[in-house]
């Protein structure tokens, strides 16, 4: 019984062998697309908010953090205790990741 099962698996792998490199390339492209889509907004925000950024100026009061606005040179100073991560941060990024992966899978499937 186990010998016929192993033989069956080997036959299926022999048929699917030419598709394995394509599947590996597709998996790498999906991973790279998702990584760029997820981490680029985070990297842009962190670099804009960092104190060494040319967009960021310190606030006049202690315990305040500054955020750059859309208008060049305009800053919004917010109390530090108001800037916290919430439970929704995890869920929003997870749902966004799923949408990006599905969208990139359809886009790459259309190209291949």
Protein backbone atom coordinates (compact mmCIF):
# COMPACT_ATOMS: atom_id res chain seq x y z
CA UNK A 1 0.00 0.00 0.00
CA UNK A 2 2.71 2.50 0.96
CA UNK A 3 4.77 1.60 -2.10
CA UNK A 4 1.89 2.38 -4.46
CA UNK A 5 1.27 5.64 -2.59
CA UNK A 6 4.92 6.67 -2.99
CA UNK A 7 4.83 5.68 -6.66
CA UNK A 8 1.71 7.80 -7.16
CA UNK A 9 3.38 10.82 -5.55
CA UNK A 10 6.49 10.38 -7.70
CA UNK A 11 4.38 10.26 -10.86
CA UNK A 12 2.57 13.47 -9.91
CA UNK A 13 5.86 15.21 -9.12
CA UNK A 14 7.27 14.13 -12.48
CA UNK A 15 4.29 15.71 -14.22
CA UNK A 16 4.45 18.91 -12.12
CA UNK A 17 8.27 19.29 -12.19
CA UNK A 18 8.32 21.87 -15.03
CA UNK A 19 5.86 24.05 -13.08
CA UNK A 20 7.90 24.15 -9.86
CA UNK A 21 10.37 26.86 -11.03
CA UNK A 22 7.46 29.04 -12.13
CA UNK A 23 5.75 28.53 -8.78
CA UNK A 24 8.95 29.45 -6.94
CA UNK A 25 9.39 32.61 -9.04
CA UNK A 26 5.76 33.54 -8.42
CA UNK A 27 6.18 33.05 -4.66
CA UNK A 28 9.31 35.23 -4.62
CA UNK A 29 7.60 37.96 -6.64
CA UNK A 30 4.54 37.90 -4.37
CA UNK A 31 6.72 38.15 -1.28
CA UNK A 32 8.74 41.03 -2.70
CA UNK A 33 5.61 42.90 -3.81
CA UNK A 34 3.99 42.50 -0.41
CA UNK A 35 7.16 43.57 1.40
CA UNK A 36 7.52 46.73 -0.69
CA UNK A 37 3.84 47.59 -0.34
CA UNK A 38 3.83 47.12 3.42
CA UNK A 39 7.16 48.61 4.43
CA UNK A 40 7.44 51.62 2.11
CA UNK A 41 4.70 53.73 3.82
CA UNK A 42 6.10 52.82 7.23
CA UNK A 43 9.62 53.76 6.19
CA UNK A 44 8.41 57.05 4.67
CA UNK A 45 6.52 57.99 7.83
CA UNK A 46 9.36 57.08 10.18
CA UNK A 47 11.89 59.00 8.10
CA UNK A 48 9.61 62.07 7.96
CA UNK A 49 8.97 62.05 11.71
CA UNK A 50 12.55 61.38 12.82
CA UNK A 51 14.34 64.32 14.45
CA UNK A 52 17.13 64.27 11.87
CA UNK A 53 14.66 64.78 9.00
CA UNK A 54 14.57 68.11 7.20
CA UNK A 55 10.76 67.98 7.45
CA UNK A 56 10.79 67.78 11.22
CA UNK A 57 11.27 70.67 13.61
CA UNK A 58 11.14 70.33 17.38
CA UNK A 59 8.09 71.63 19.22
CA UNK A 60 8.47 74.51 21.68
CA UNK A 61 7.25 72.48 24.67
CA UNK A 62 8.61 69.34 26.27
CA UNK A 63 6.70 66.06 25.96
CA UNK A 64 5.36 67.03 22.54
CA UNK A 65 6.10 65.33 19.24
CA UNK A 66 5.88 67.06 15.87
CA UNK A 67 4.30 65.69 12.70
CA UNK A 68 4.87 67.24 9.29
CA UNK A 69 1.74 68.27 7.39
CA UNK A 70 1.09 68.34 3.65
CA UNK A 71 1.99 72.01 3.41
CA UNK A 72 5.80 72.41 3.37
CA UNK A 73 7.08 73.89 6.59
CA UNK A 74 3.86 73.33 8.55
CA UNK A 75 4.07 71.17 11.66
CA UNK A 76 1.49 69.73 14.05
CA UNK A 77 2.60 69.38 17.67
CA UNK A 78 0.80 66.64 19.59
CA UNK A 79 1.23 65.67 23.26
CA UNK A 80 3.37 62.57 23.55
CA UNK A 81 0.82 60.68 25.67
CA UNK A 82 -1.69 60.93 22.77
CA UNK A 83 0.60 59.08 20.35
CA UNK A 84 0.11 55.41 21.17
CA UNK A 85 -0.30 52.29 19.12
CA UNK A 86 -3.74 50.76 19.20
CA UNK A 87 -5.19 47.32 18.67
CA UNK A 88 -6.38 48.39 15.23
CA UNK A 89 -2.80 48.92 14.03
CA UNK A 90 -2.28 45.16 13.88
CA UNK A 91 -5.59 44.40 12.17
CA UNK A 92 -5.40 47.19 9.61
CA UNK A 93 -1.90 46.22 8.51
CA UNK A 94 -2.88 42.53 8.35
CA UNK A 95 -5.93 43.23 6.20
CA UNK A 96 -3.88 45.56 3.99
CA UNK A 97 -1.25 42.84 3.59
CA UNK A 98 -3.90 40.33 2.54
CA UNK A 99 -5.34 42.75 -0.02
CA UNK A 100 -1.88 43.47 -1.43
CA UNK A 101 -1.00 39.78 -1.69
CA UNK A 102 -4.27 38.92 -3.44
CA UNK A 103 -3.95 41.91 -5.78
CA UNK A 104 -0.35 41.11 -6.66
CA UNK A 105 -1.27 37.44 -7.22
CA UNK A 106 -3.90 38.45 -9.75
CA UNK A 107 -1.56 40.95 -11.41
CA UNK A 108 1.28 38.43 -11.68
CA UNK A 109 -1.08 35.74 -12.89
CA UNK A 110 -2.25 38.05 -15.65
CA UNK A 111 1.39 38.66 -16.67
CA UNK A 112 2.37 34.99 -16.73
